[in-house]
C-alpha atoms as a PDB file:
ATOM      1  CA  MET A   1     -21.938   7.584 -24.443  1.00  0.00           C
ATOM      2  CA  ILE A   2     -21.968   4.889 -21.655  1.00  0.00           C
ATOM      3  CA  ASN A   3     -22.986   1.730 -24.153  1.00  0.00           C
ATOM      4  CA  SER A   4     -20.270   2.707 -26.207  1.00  0.00           C
ATOM      5  CA  LEU A   5     -17.468   2.370 -22.701  1.00  0.00           C
ATOM      6  CA  LEU A   6     -19.240  -0.782 -22.020  1.00  0.00           C
ATOM      7  CA  ALA A   7     -18.735  -1.743 -25.633  1.00  0.00           C
ATOM      8  CA  LEU A   8     -15.226  -0.802 -25.010  1.00  0.00           C
ATOM      9  CA  SER A   9     -15.129  -2.602 -22.054  1.00  0.00           C
ATOM     10  CA  THR A  10     -16.138  -5.622 -22.586  1.00  0.00           C
ATOM     11  CA  GLU A  11     -13.784  -5.388 -25.698  1.00  0.00           C
ATOM     12  CA  ALA A  12     -10.500  -4.970 -23.525  1.00  0.00           C
ATOM     13  CA  LYS A  13     -12.020  -7.573 -21.382  1.00  0.00           C
ATOM     14  CA  ILE A  14     -12.329  -9.842 -24.216  1.00  0.00           C
ATOM     15  CA  GLY A  15      -8.467  -8.505 -25.333  1.00  0.00           C
ATOM     16  CA  VAL A  16      -7.480  -9.429 -22.155  1.00  0.00           C
ATOM     17  CA  GLY A  17      -8.227 -12.460 -21.686  1.00  0.00           C
ATOM     18  CA  VAL A  18      -7.497 -13.536 -25.351  1.00  0.00           C
ATOM     19  CA  GLY A  19      -3.984 -12.137 -24.405  1.00  0.00           C
ATOM     20  CA  VAL A  20      -3.807 -14.271 -20.772  1.00  0.00           C
ATOM     21  CA  GLY A  21      -5.015 -17.593 -22.660  1.00  0.00           C
ATOM     22  CA  ALA A  22      -2.415 -16.839 -25.109  1.00  0.00           C
ATOM     23  CA  ALA A  23       0.576 -16.650 -22.617  1.00  0.00           C
ATOM     24  CA  VAL A  24      -1.160 -19.739 -20.468  1.00  0.00           C
ATOM     25  CA  LEU A  25      -0.929 -22.016 -23.710  1.00  0.00           C
ATOM     26  CA  LEU A  26       2.649 -20.664 -24.330  1.00  0.00           C
ATOM     27  CA  ILE A  27       3.936 -21.685 -21.083  1.00  0.00           C
ATOM     28  CA  ILE A  28       2.394 -24.692 -20.823  1.00  0.00           C
ATOM     29  CA  ILE A  29       3.859 -25.393 -24.055  1.00  0.00           C
ATOM     30  CA  PHE A  30       6.880 -23.887 -22.523  1.00  0.00           C
ATOM     31  CA  ILE A  31       6.850 -26.446 -19.898  1.00  0.00           C
ATOM     32  CA  ALA A  32       6.188 -29.606 -22.098  1.00  0.00           C
ATOM     33  CA  VAL A  33       8.820 -29.014 -24.201  1.00  0.00           C
ATOM     34  CA  TRP A  34      11.382 -28.274 -21.464  1.00  0.00           C
ATOM     35  CA  ILE A  35       9.797 -31.949 -19.565  1.00  0.00           C
ATOM     36  CA  SER A  36       9.619 -33.598 -22.741  1.00  0.00           C
ATOM     37  CA  LEU A  37      14.135 -32.544 -23.464  1.00  0.00           C
ATOM     38  CA  TYR A  38      14.536 -32.951 -20.064  1.00  0.00           C
ATOM     39  CA  ASN A  39      13.183 -36.569 -19.958  1.00  0.00           C
ATOM     40  CA  LYS A  40      15.048 -37.235 -23.476  1.00  0.00           C
ATOM     41  CA  LEU A  41      18.659 -35.983 -21.776  1.00  0.00           C
ATOM     42  CA  LEU A  42      18.306 -38.351 -18.582  1.00  0.00           C
ATOM     43  CA  ARG A  43      17.578 -41.242 -21.159  1.00  0.00           C
ATOM     44  CA  LEU A  44      19.839 -40.381 -23.329  1.00  0.00           C
ATOM     45  CA  LYS A  45      22.558 -40.395 -19.970  1.00  0.00           C
ATOM     46  CA  ASN A  46      20.959 -43.644 -19.059  1.00  0.00           C
ATOM     47  CA  LEU A  47      21.821 -44.736 -22.482  1.00  0.00           C
ATOM     48  CA  VAL A  48      25.555 -44.183 -22.196  1.00  0.00           C
ATOM     49  CA  GLU A  49      25.831 -45.342 -18.425  1.00  0.00           C
ATOM     50  CA  GLU A  50      24.792 -48.679 -19.799  1.00  0.00           C
ATOM     51  CA  ALA A  51      26.504 -48.812 -23.236  1.00  0.00           C
ATOM     52  CA  TRP A  52      29.836 -47.936 -20.158  1.00  0.00           C
ATOM     53  CA  ALA A  53      28.738 -50.982 -18.238  1.00  0.00           C
ATOM     54  CA  THR A  54      28.486 -53.255 -21.386  1.00  0.00           C
ATOM     55  CA  VAL A  55      31.420 -52.102 -22.065  1.00  0.00           C
ATOM     56  CA  ASP A  56      33.028 -52.821 -18.887  1.00  0.00           C
ATOM     57  CA  VAL A  57      31.942 -56.377 -18.524  1.00  0.00           C
ATOM     58  CA  GLN A  58      33.697 -57.467 -21.732  1.00  0.00           C
ATOM     59  CA  LEU A  59      36.908 -55.406 -20.565  1.00  0.00           C
ATOM     60  CA  LYS A  60      36.534 -57.386 -17.325  1.00  0.00           C
ATOM     61  CA  LYS A  61      36.009 -61.023 -19.119  1.00  0.00           C
ATOM     62  CA  ARG A  62      39.511 -60.143 -21.341  1.00  0.00           C
ATOM     63  CA  TYR A  63      40.920 -58.943 -17.772  1.00  0.00           C
ATOM     64  CA  ASP A  64      39.413 -62.683 -16.611  1.00  0.00           C
ATOM     65  CA  LEU A  65      41.362 -64.158 -19.145  1.00  0.00           C
ATOM     66  CA  ILE A  66      44.523 -62.784 -19.353  1.00  0.00           C
ATOM     67  CA  PRO A  67      45.818 -64.904 -16.141  1.00  0.00           C
ATOM     68  CA  ASN A  68      45.098 -68.043 -17.198  1.00  0.00           C
ATOM     69  CA  LEU A  69      46.968 -67.174 -21.607  1.00  0.00           C
ATOM     70  CA  VAL A  70      50.089 -65.681 -19.368  1.00  0.00           C
ATOM     71  CA  SER A  71      50.797 -68.821 -17.593  1.00  0.00           C
ATOM     72  CA  THR A  72      50.257 -70.901 -20.281  1.00  0.00           C
ATOM     73  CA  VAL A  73      52.801 -68.806 -22.058  1.00  0.00           C
ATOM     74  CA  LYS A  74      55.237 -69.103 -18.680  1.00  0.00           C
ATOM     75  CA  GLY A  75      55.729 -72.260 -19.404  1.00  0.00           C
ATOM     76  CA  TYR A  76      57.087 -71.882 -22.927  1.00  0.00           C
ATOM     77  CA  ALA A  77      58.729 -68.520 -22.630  1.00  0.00           C
ATOM     78  CA  LYS A  78      60.043 -68.966 -19.268  1.00  0.00           C
ATOM     79  CA  HIS A  79      62.937 -65.824 -19.726  1.00  0.00           C
ATOM     80  CA  GLU A  80      60.385 -63.437 -21.233  1.00  0.00           C
ATOM     81  CA  SER A  81      59.341 -62.564 -17.919  1.00  0.00           C
ATOM     82  CA  GLU A  82      60.232 -58.733 -18.744  1.00  0.00           C
ATOM     83  CA  THR A  83      56.495 -59.258 -21.352  1.00  0.00           C
ATOM     84  CA  LEU A  84      54.724 -61.036 -19.236  1.00  0.00           C
ATOM     85  CA  GLU A  85      54.964 -58.653 -16.071  1.00  0.00           C
ATOM     86  CA  ALA A  86      53.920 -55.623 -18.404  1.00  0.00           C
ATOM     87  CA  VAL A  87      50.861 -57.535 -19.476  1.00  0.00           C
ATOM     88  CA  ILE A  88      49.516 -58.401 -16.138  1.00  0.00           C
ATOM     89  CA  ARG A  89      50.608 -54.621 -14.535  1.00  0.00           C
ATOM     90  CA  ALA A  90      48.683 -53.357 -17.832  1.00  0.00           C
ATOM     91  CA  ARG A  91      45.766 -55.758 -16.675  1.00  0.00           C
ATOM     92  CA  ASN A  92      46.382 -54.734 -13.095  1.00  0.00           C
ATOM     93  CA  VAL A  93      46.081 -51.116 -14.455  1.00  0.00           C
ATOM     94  CA  ALA A  94      43.364 -51.680 -16.759  1.00  0.00           C
ATOM     95  CA  MET A  95      41.147 -53.308 -13.541  1.00  0.00           C
ATOM     96  CA  THR A  96      41.894 -50.494 -11.483  1.00  0.00           C
ATOM     97  CA  ALA A  97      40.975 -46.948 -13.397  1.00  0.00           C
ATOM     98  CA  THR A  98      38.451 -44.772 -12.994  1.00  0.00           C
ATOM     99  CA  ARG A  99      35.987 -44.075 -15.440  1.00  0.00           C
ATOM    100  CA  ASP A 100      38.371 -41.064 -17.001  1.00  0.00           C
ATOM    101  CA  ASN A 101      41.215 -43.305 -17.085  1.00  0.00           C
ATOM    102  CA  LYS A 102      39.966 -46.307 -17.414  1.00  0.00           C
ATOM    103  CA  MET A 103      40.278 -46.102 -21.735  1.00  0.00           C
ATOM    104  CA  GLU A 104      44.187 -44.936 -21.426  1.00  0.00           C
ATOM    105  CA  ALA A 105      44.469 -47.864 -19.434  1.00  0.00           C
ATOM    106  CA  GLU A 106      43.103 -50.069 -21.808  1.00  0.00           C
ATOM    107  CA  ASN A 107      44.914 -48.809 -25.007  1.00  0.00           C
ATOM    108  CA  GLU A 108      48.098 -50.074 -22.769  1.00  0.00           C
ATOM    109  CA  LEU A 109      46.913 -53.615 -22.296  1.00  0.00           C
ATOM    110  CA  SER A 110      46.189 -53.725 -25.757  1.00  0.00           C
ATOM    111  CA  GLY A 111      49.420 -52.630 -26.808  1.00  0.00           C
ATOM    112  CA  THR A 112      51.295 -55.382 -24.557  1.00  0.00           C
ATOM    113  CA  LEU A 113      49.197 -57.842 -24.984  1.00  0.00           C
ATOM    114  CA  LYS A 114      50.955 -57.350 -29.274  1.00  0.00           C
ATOM    115  CA  SER A 115      53.666 -57.924 -27.744  1.00  0.00           C
ATOM    116  CA  LEU A 116      52.543 -61.102 -25.501  1.00  0.00           C
ATOM    117  CA  PHE A 117      51.596 -62.387 -29.165  1.00  0.00           C
ATOM    118  CA  LYS A 118      54.864 -61.800 -30.769  1.00  0.00           C
ATOM    119  CA  LEU A 119      56.140 -64.280 -28.039  1.00  0.00           C
ATOM    120  CA  ARG A 120      54.063 -66.781 -30.383  1.00  0.00           C
ATOM    121  CA  GLU A 121      56.218 -66.026 -33.557  1.00  0.00           C
ATOM    122  CA  ALA A 122      59.451 -66.845 -30.738  1.00  0.00           C
ATOM    123  CA  TYR A 123      58.555 -70.358 -29.284  1.00  0.00           C
ATOM    124  CA  PRO A 124      57.136 -72.937 -32.293  1.00  0.00           C
ATOM    125  CA  ASP A 125      55.805 -74.984 -29.505  1.00  0.00           C
ATOM    126  CA  LEU A 126      53.307 -71.840 -28.346  1.00  0.00           C
ATOM    127  CA  LYS A 127      51.798 -71.931 -31.586  1.00  0.00           C
ATOM    128  CA  ALA A 128      51.101 -76.079 -31.195  1.00  0.00           C
ATOM    129  CA  ASN A 129      49.727 -75.942 -27.543  1.00  0.00           C
ATOM    130  CA  ARG A 130      45.689 -76.372 -27.375  1.00  0.00           C
ATOM    131  CA  ASN A 131      45.103 -74.242 -24.316  1.00  0.00           C
ATOM    132  CA  PHE A 132      47.025 -71.576 -26.164  1.00  0.00           C
ATOM    133  CA  MET A 133      45.192 -71.517 -28.860  1.00  0.00           C
ATOM    134  CA  ASP A 134      42.218 -72.236 -27.506  1.00  0.00           C
ATOM    135  CA  LEU A 135      43.248 -68.887 -24.911  1.00  0.00           C
ATOM    136  CA  GLN A 136      44.140 -67.212 -28.350  1.00  0.00           C
ATOM    137  CA  GLU A 137      40.726 -67.500 -30.092  1.00  0.00           C
ATOM    138  CA  GLN A 138      37.968 -66.490 -26.899  1.00  0.00           C
ATOM    139  CA  LEU A 139      41.006 -63.130 -26.608  1.00  0.00           C
ATOM    140  CA  ARG A 140      39.890 -62.567 -30.261  1.00  0.00           C
ATOM    141  CA  ASN A 141      35.654 -62.969 -29.070  1.00  0.00           C
ATOM    142  CA  ILE A 142      36.240 -61.216 -26.475  1.00  0.00           C
ATOM    143  CA  GLU A 143      37.954 -58.279 -28.535  1.00  0.00           C
ATOM    144  CA  ASP A 144      35.002 -58.554 -31.050  1.00  0.00           C
ATOM    145  CA  GLU A 145      32.207 -57.954 -28.285  1.00  0.00           C
ATOM    146  CA  ILE A 146      34.858 -55.140 -26.353  1.00  0.00           C
ATOM    147  CA  SER A 147      34.967 -53.842 -29.900  1.00  0.00           C
ATOM    148  CA  SER A 148      31.151 -53.839 -30.789  1.00  0.00           C
ATOM    149  CA  ALA A 149      30.348 -52.457 -27.868  1.00  0.00           C
ATOM    150  CA  ARG A 150      32.840 -49.460 -27.989  1.00  0.00           C
ATOM    151  CA  ARG A 151      30.899 -48.867 -30.950  1.00  0.00           C
ATOM    152  CA  TYR A 152      27.556 -48.907 -29.432  1.00  0.00           C
ATOM    153  CA  TYR A 153      28.851 -46.800 -26.701  1.00  0.00           C
ATOM    154  CA  ASN A 154      30.488 -44.115 -28.973  1.00  0.00           C
ATOM    155  CA  ALA A 155      27.103 -43.824 -31.185  1.00  0.00           C
ATOM    156  CA  VAL A 156      24.851 -43.547 -27.797  1.00  0.00           C
ATOM    157  CA  VAL A 157      27.444 -41.213 -26.750  1.00  0.00           C
ATOM    158  CA  ARG A 158      27.843 -38.673 -30.344  1.00  0.00           C
ATOM    159  CA  GLU A 159      23.744 -39.015 -29.723  1.00  0.00           C
ATOM    160  CA  PHE A 160      24.320 -37.273 -26.281  1.00  0.00           C
ATOM    161  CA  ASN A 161      26.491 -35.027 -26.877  1.00  0.00           C
ATOM    162  CA  THR A 162      25.050 -33.707 -30.021  1.00  0.00           C
ATOM    163  CA  LYS A 163      21.584 -33.156 -27.535  1.00  0.00           C
ATOM    164  CA  LEU A 164      24.122 -31.044 -25.227  1.00  0.00           C
ATOM    165  CA  VAL A 165      25.277 -28.309 -27.671  1.00  0.00           C
ATOM    166  CA  VAL A 166      21.853 -28.508 -30.150  1.00  0.00           C
ATOM    167  CA  PHE A 167      18.905 -25.506 -29.247  1.00  0.00           C
ATOM    168  CA  PRO A 168      16.909 -26.215 -27.422  1.00  0.00           C
ATOM    169  CA  SER A 169      18.303 -29.152 -25.551  1.00  0.00           C
ATOM    170  CA  ASN A 170      21.174 -27.280 -24.510  1.00  0.00           C
ATOM    171  CA  LEU A 171      18.941 -24.924 -22.324  1.00  0.00           C
ATOM    172  CA  VAL A 172      17.828 -27.750 -20.029  1.00  0.00           C
ATOM    173  CA  ALA A 173      21.021 -29.655 -20.396  1.00  0.00           C
ATOM    174  CA  ARG A 174      22.831 -26.703 -18.887  1.00  0.00           C
ATOM    175  CA  LYS A 175      20.416 -26.139 -15.855  1.00  0.00           C
ATOM    176  CA  MET A 176      20.996 -29.988 -15.481  1.00  0.00           C
ATOM    177  CA  ARG A 177      24.751 -29.663 -15.886  1.00  0.00           C
ATOM    178  CA  LEU A 178      25.654 -32.108 -17.977  1.00  0.00           C
ATOM    179  CA  GLU A 179      29.151 -32.293 -19.495  1.00  0.00           C
ATOM    180  CA  LYS A 180      30.159 -34.138 -22.679  1.00  0.00           C
ATOM    181  CA  GLN A 181      31.362 -37.549 -22.538  1.00  0.00           C
ATOM    182  CA  LYS A 182      34.261 -39.055 -23.851  1.00  0.00           C
ATOM    183  CA  TYR A 183      34.145 -41.076 -27.009  1.00  0.00           C
ATOM    184  CA  PHE A 184      36.343 -44.525 -26.119  1.00  0.00           C
ATOM    185  CA  GLU A 185      38.742 -44.160 -28.834  1.00  0.00           C
ATOM    186  CA  LEU A 186      42.122 -45.648 -29.725  1.00  0.00           C
ATOM    187  CA  ASP A 187      45.450 -44.030 -29.388  1.00  0.00           C
ATOM    188  CA  SER A 188      47.844 -45.020 -32.173  1.00  0.00           C
ATOM    189  CA  GLU A 189      47.658 -46.350 -35.550  1.00  0.00           C
ATOM    190  CA  GLU A 190      49.036 -49.651 -34.338  1.00  0.00           C
ATOM    191  CA  GLU A 191      46.383 -49.957 -31.778  1.00  0.00           C
ATOM    192  CA  ARG A 192      43.699 -49.377 -34.047  1.00  0.00           C
ATOM    193  CA  LYS A 193      44.651 -52.796 -35.731  1.00  0.00           C
ATOM    194  CA  ASN A 194      43.014 -55.713 -34.405  1.00  0.00           C
ATOM    195  CA  VAL A 195      44.904 -58.000 -31.943  1.00  0.00           C
ATOM    196  CA  LYS A 196      46.991 -60.630 -34.594  1.00  0.00           C
ATOM    197  CA  VAL A 197      45.806 -64.024 -33.317  1.00  0.00           C
ATOM    198  CA  GLU A 198      45.156 -66.023 -36.534  1.00  0.00           C
ATOM    199  CA  PHE A 199      48.464 -68.838 -37.381  1.00  0.00           C
END
């Protein structure tokens, strides 16, 4: 009887030991998965911020170019001051906009730039001005760079936002208090067209 109790006691100890070992292993796996997801979300968050910074740099280039373009046009289109003022006003709003309002301000600026380039048709001498043509070419190149930066930003945001809603990373994201990021989209079909700068 004592031998059978000892045997049961030994088997119970082994069973408890296996159970505790399995529980410890599950806890270690859970912690490893949690840390992995946490680090992945942090990397994605940093990529979103880096992508936004790249967009911001390209937008800054455009802001710096606009005053030169406007001053070149002023000489030819003196009585078009309303259009020129609208472009400068939109530029200033876009430059000072917060990240949340930046996309809307950029769409407004793109629209005013289109109206600026429509002046080219009304002033044939402006079309022939070498400085204006150089500035247009620079703006076209910057617009291409902005477009590339937007695509990269939106791709990173898509991946980040997906991680925020899929299981199990959504549990970690909720604990980190991460929020979905906005895509950098154009508002209307007219704004989706490239700024036309060719002759």
